[in-house]
Amino acid sequence: MTKNWLIGYDISNPRRLGRVHRVMANHATPIEYSIFLYIGSDKGLAECLSEVSAIIDPNFDDVRCYPLPSRGLQERIGRATLPDGIQWSGLPTPLGPHFNIEKA
């Protein structure tokens, strides 16, 4: 069964940070530099987190993974990541329209 997860990390060492980012980019969609949207199975998530776990130093680094509700509210507030009128098709179809919030 496919599920949505938000994964974020705070890595203290620049070399480990780059390695974690590359692993995460192979498994999930970057939302911000250290925030990723993972869409997939529990097994795939476990594989992703296992790879990350092999890189981090648990005494100094922090990785967090939060399940997202399948029909929860999803919005973006603040500066647009893309110019007006441009929608990023890298997001799954159910999430895409929620990231295109018009200014009031």
Protein backbone atom coordinates (compact mmCIF):
# COMPACT_ATOMS: atom_id res chain seq x y z
CA MET A 1 0.00 0.00 0.00
CA THR A 2 1.32 3.42 -0.96
CA LYS A 3 1.61 6.00 1.82
CA ASN A 4 2.87 9.58 2.06
CA TRP A 5 5.63 10.53 4.50
CA LEU A 6 7.39 13.79 5.29
CA ILE A 7 11.08 13.23 6.10
CA GLY A 8 13.30 15.97 7.48
CA TYR A 9 16.83 16.00 8.75
CA ASP A 10 19.42 18.16 10.50
CA ILE A 11 22.94 16.88 9.83
CA SER A 12 25.85 18.56 11.62
CA ASN A 13 28.70 17.53 9.29
CA PRO A 14 28.79 18.96 5.72
CA ARG A 15 30.11 15.71 4.21
CA ARG A 16 27.40 13.60 5.87
CA LEU A 17 24.83 16.24 4.92
CA GLY A 18 25.68 15.89 1.23
CA ARG A 19 25.61 12.10 1.41
CA VAL A 20 22.23 12.05 3.18
CA HIS A 21 20.82 14.51 0.65
CA ARG A 22 21.92 12.30 -2.26
CA VAL A 23 20.40 9.18 -0.68
CA MET A 24 17.14 10.99 0.03
CA ALA A 25 16.99 12.37 -3.54
CA ASN A 26 17.16 8.79 -4.82
CA HIS A 27 14.09 7.80 -2.78
CA ALA A 28 11.92 10.89 -2.35
CA THR A 29 10.95 14.28 -3.79
CA PRO A 30 12.71 17.30 -2.28
CA ILE A 31 10.31 19.92 -0.94
CA GLU A 32 13.03 22.06 0.67
CA TYR A 33 16.75 21.30 1.02
CA SER A 34 16.35 19.07 4.06
CA ILE A 35 12.63 18.20 3.74
CA PHE A 36 11.46 15.41 1.45
CA LEU A 37 8.13 13.89 0.46
CA TYR A 38 8.32 10.11 0.30
CA ILE A 39 5.49 8.30 -1.47
CA GLY A 40 5.68 4.54 -1.44
CA SER A 41 5.49 1.35 0.55
CA ASP A 42 6.56 0.75 4.13
CA LYS A 43 9.29 -1.54 2.79
CA GLY A 44 10.67 1.20 0.52
CA LEU A 45 10.61 3.66 3.41
CA ALA A 46 12.50 1.20 5.61
CA GLU A 47 15.13 0.77 2.87
CA CYS A 48 15.52 4.55 2.54
CA LEU A 49 15.85 5.10 6.28
CA SER A 50 18.26 2.17 6.56
CA GLU A 51 20.57 3.80 4.00
CA VAL A 52 20.34 7.13 5.82
CA SER A 53 20.94 5.44 9.18
CA ALA A 54 24.20 3.97 7.88
CA ILE A 55 25.47 7.50 7.12
CA ILE A 56 24.41 9.63 10.09
CA ASP A 57 26.03 9.99 13.49
CA PRO A 58 23.12 9.54 15.93
CA ASN A 59 24.99 11.54 18.59
CA PHE A 60 24.97 14.70 16.44
CA ASP A 61 22.42 14.27 13.63
CA ASP A 62 18.63 14.19 13.63
CA VAL A 63 16.34 12.51 11.09
CA ARG A 64 12.57 12.57 11.52
CA CYS A 65 9.83 10.86 9.55
CA TYR A 66 6.15 11.80 9.81
CA PRO A 67 3.22 10.00 8.17
CA LEU A 68 0.86 12.27 6.26
CA PRO A 69 -2.88 11.62 6.19
CA SER A 70 -4.06 10.47 2.78
CA ARG A 71 -6.73 13.17 2.59
CA GLY A 72 -5.27 15.84 4.88
CA LEU A 73 -5.02 19.55 4.19
CA GLN A 74 -1.83 20.42 2.30
CA GLU A 75 -0.94 24.07 1.71
CA ARG A 76 2.05 26.28 1.12
CA ILE A 77 2.28 29.74 2.67
CA GLY A 78 4.95 32.26 1.77
CA ARG A 79 7.20 32.88 -1.19
CA ALA A 80 6.38 30.80 -4.24
CA THR A 81 9.04 28.32 -5.25
CA LEU A 82 8.19 28.77 -8.94
CA PRO A 83 7.03 31.79 -10.96
CA ASP A 84 3.30 32.53 -11.20
CA GLY A 85 1.51 30.26 -13.65
CA ILE A 86 4.13 27.50 -13.47
CA GLN A 87 3.21 24.25 -11.75
CA TRP A 88 5.80 21.63 -10.90
CA SER A 89 4.67 18.29 -12.27
CA GLY A 90 7.14 16.38 -10.07
CA LEU A 91 4.54 16.22 -7.32
CA PRO A 92 2.01 13.42 -7.40
CA THR A 93 -1.27 14.47 -9.03
CA PRO A 94 -3.27 14.47 -5.75
CA LEU A 95 -0.82 16.97 -4.19
CA GLY A 96 -0.04 19.23 -7.15
CA PRO A 97 -3.10 21.54 -7.12
CA HIS A 98 -2.77 22.16 -3.38
CA PHE A 99 0.59 23.86 -3.89
CA ASN A 100 -0.79 26.44 -6.33
CA ILE A 101 -2.33 28.95 -3.90
CA GLU A 102 -3.45 32.25 -5.41
CA LYS A 103 -2.67 35.56 -3.67
CA ALA A 104 -5.68 37.30 -2.19
